Amino acid sequence: MDKLTNTPFNLADNICKSDGEDEHLTFSELQTVEKQRREILLRAELPFWRILLFWSGTCLKEISTDLLVWFTLAVYTSIRIYANFADEEPEAAQLLEKTNIGVLGGFLSFFLVLFVNQTNDR
């Protein structure tokens, strides 16, 4: 049972697995999954600002421990610091001013919102 973790999503995934292994959850593990699932379901009725304060049942723990997220944030921050303290504007920034990058960014943002909305509807 070392493959099982305490998160309801991983336990539910293990319930649905049919990879040939005869892996079943105990009654107490199923009760734990159901309890956590019901707690998450009740949170949906709370105001959005209260929902944002929850740690369990969200992806915040995974995001906060992911090295790629922190590496990307560090690279972005270092580039912004360099750009703010540099004497002259970087050549890449001068080239971007001549393009329609704002239109492209607006289109991608709109597309992303529609994509996420459609994915959640499934």
Protein backbone atom coordinates (compact mmCIF):
# COMPACT_ATOMS: atom_id res chain seq x y z
CA MET A 1 0.00 0.00 0.00
CA ASP A 2 3.00 2.32 -0.28
CA LYS A 3 1.68 3.64 -3.60
CA LEU A 4 -1.28 5.26 -1.88
CA THR A 5 -1.05 8.78 -0.57
CA ASN A 6 -3.40 10.80 1.57
CA THR A 7 -4.74 13.04 -1.17
CA PRO A 8 -8.24 12.21 -2.37
CA PHE A 9 -7.22 12.52 -6.01
CA ASN A 10 -4.44 9.94 -5.80
CA LEU A 11 -6.64 7.55 -3.85
CA ALA A 12 -9.42 7.93 -6.39
CA ASP A 13 -6.94 7.32 -9.22
CA ASN A 14 -5.78 4.13 -7.52
CA ILE A 15 -9.38 2.96 -7.21
CA CYS A 16 -9.91 3.34 -10.94
CA LYS A 17 -6.64 1.71 -12.03
CA SER A 18 -6.96 -1.60 -13.81
CA ASP A 19 -3.35 -2.35 -14.72
CA GLY A 20 -3.56 -6.02 -13.82
CA GLU A 21 -2.58 -5.57 -10.20
CA ASP A 22 -5.08 -6.72 -7.63
CA GLU A 23 -5.02 -3.52 -5.60
CA HIS A 24 -8.00 -2.76 -3.38
CA LEU A 25 -8.52 -0.09 -0.80
CA THR A 26 -9.59 -0.91 2.70
CA PHE A 27 -12.88 0.35 4.08
CA SER A 28 -11.14 2.94 6.24
CA GLU A 29 -9.22 4.29 3.21
CA LEU A 30 -12.46 4.55 1.24
CA GLN A 31 -14.05 6.42 4.15
CA THR A 32 -11.09 8.84 4.19
CA VAL A 33 -11.44 9.45 0.46
CA GLU A 34 -15.17 10.06 0.77
CA LYS A 35 -14.71 12.43 3.73
CA GLN A 36 -12.12 14.50 1.88
CA ARG A 37 -14.25 14.51 -1.27
CA ARG A 38 -17.27 15.80 0.65
CA GLU A 39 -15.19 18.53 2.32
CA ILE A 40 -14.01 19.73 -1.07
CA LEU A 41 -17.57 19.62 -2.41
CA LEU A 42 -18.86 21.78 0.47
CA ARG A 43 -16.15 24.38 -0.24
CA ALA A 44 -17.72 25.11 -3.64
CA GLU A 45 -20.53 26.97 -1.87
CA LEU A 46 -18.16 29.32 -0.02
CA PRO A 47 -17.25 32.81 -1.27
CA PHE A 48 -14.29 32.83 -3.67
CA TRP A 49 -11.94 34.58 -1.23
CA ARG A 50 -12.46 31.79 1.31
CA ILE A 51 -11.88 29.11 -1.33
CA LEU A 52 -8.52 30.68 -2.17
CA LEU A 53 -7.34 30.22 1.41
CA PHE A 54 -7.55 26.40 1.38
CA TRP A 55 -4.37 24.34 1.03
CA SER A 56 -5.69 20.76 1.09
CA GLY A 57 -7.49 19.51 -2.00
CA THR A 58 -5.79 22.06 -4.24
CA CYS A 59 -2.74 22.07 -6.47
CA LEU A 60 -0.94 24.69 -4.35
CA LYS A 61 1.28 22.17 -2.59
CA GLU A 62 2.42 20.67 -5.91
CA ILE A 63 3.08 24.09 -7.41
CA SER A 64 4.99 25.33 -4.38
CA THR A 65 7.35 22.34 -4.44
CA ASP A 66 7.89 22.23 -8.21
CA LEU A 67 11.41 23.33 -9.14
CA LEU A 68 10.42 24.32 -12.68
CA VAL A 69 8.00 26.94 -11.35
CA TRP A 70 10.65 28.47 -9.08
CA PHE A 71 13.34 28.33 -11.80
CA THR A 72 11.06 30.09 -14.29
CA LEU A 73 10.14 32.71 -11.70
CA ALA A 74 13.83 33.30 -10.87
CA VAL A 75 14.75 33.70 -14.55
CA TYR A 76 11.89 36.14 -15.11
CA THR A 77 12.80 38.15 -12.00
CA SER A 78 16.47 38.34 -12.95
CA ILE A 79 15.60 39.52 -16.46
CA ARG A 80 13.28 42.21 -15.08
CA ILE A 81 15.90 43.39 -12.59
CA TYR A 82 18.54 43.54 -15.33
CA ALA A 83 16.16 45.41 -17.66
CA ASN A 84 15.32 47.98 -14.96
CA PHE A 85 18.93 48.71 -14.05
CA ALA A 86 20.47 48.53 -17.54
CA ASP A 87 21.59 51.83 -19.05
CA GLU A 88 20.13 51.13 -22.44
CA GLU A 89 17.10 49.22 -23.61
CA PRO A 90 17.85 45.68 -24.83
CA GLU A 91 17.74 45.13 -28.57
CA ALA A 92 15.03 42.46 -28.24
CA ALA A 93 12.74 44.95 -26.47
CA GLN A 94 13.29 47.49 -29.25
CA LEU A 95 12.31 44.88 -31.84
CA LEU A 96 9.18 43.89 -29.91
CA GLU A 97 7.95 47.49 -29.90
CA LYS A 98 7.63 47.32 -33.69
CA THR A 99 5.45 44.19 -33.64
CA ASN A 100 1.85 43.53 -32.74
CA ILE A 101 2.71 41.41 -29.72
CA GLY A 102 -0.15 42.97 -27.73
CA VAL A 103 -2.71 41.71 -30.22
CA LEU A 104 -1.18 38.25 -30.12
CA GLY A 105 -1.14 38.25 -26.31
CA GLY A 106 -4.77 39.33 -26.17
CA PHE A 107 -5.77 36.58 -28.59
CA LEU A 108 -3.87 33.92 -26.63
CA SER A 109 -5.40 35.08 -23.34
CA PHE A 110 -8.88 34.91 -24.84
CA PHE A 111 -8.16 31.45 -26.30
CA LEU A 112 -6.79 30.22 -22.96
CA VAL A 113 -9.93 31.32 -21.08
CA LEU A 114 -12.16 29.53 -23.59
CA PHE A 115 -10.01 26.40 -23.49
CA VAL A 116 -10.06 26.21 -19.68
CA ASN A 117 -13.79 26.86 -19.63
CA GLN A 118 -14.44 24.08 -22.14
CA THR A 119 -12.16 21.69 -20.27
CA ASN A 120 -13.97 22.35 -16.99
CA ASP A 121 -17.33 21.72 -18.65
CA ARG A 122 -16.25 18.18 -19.52
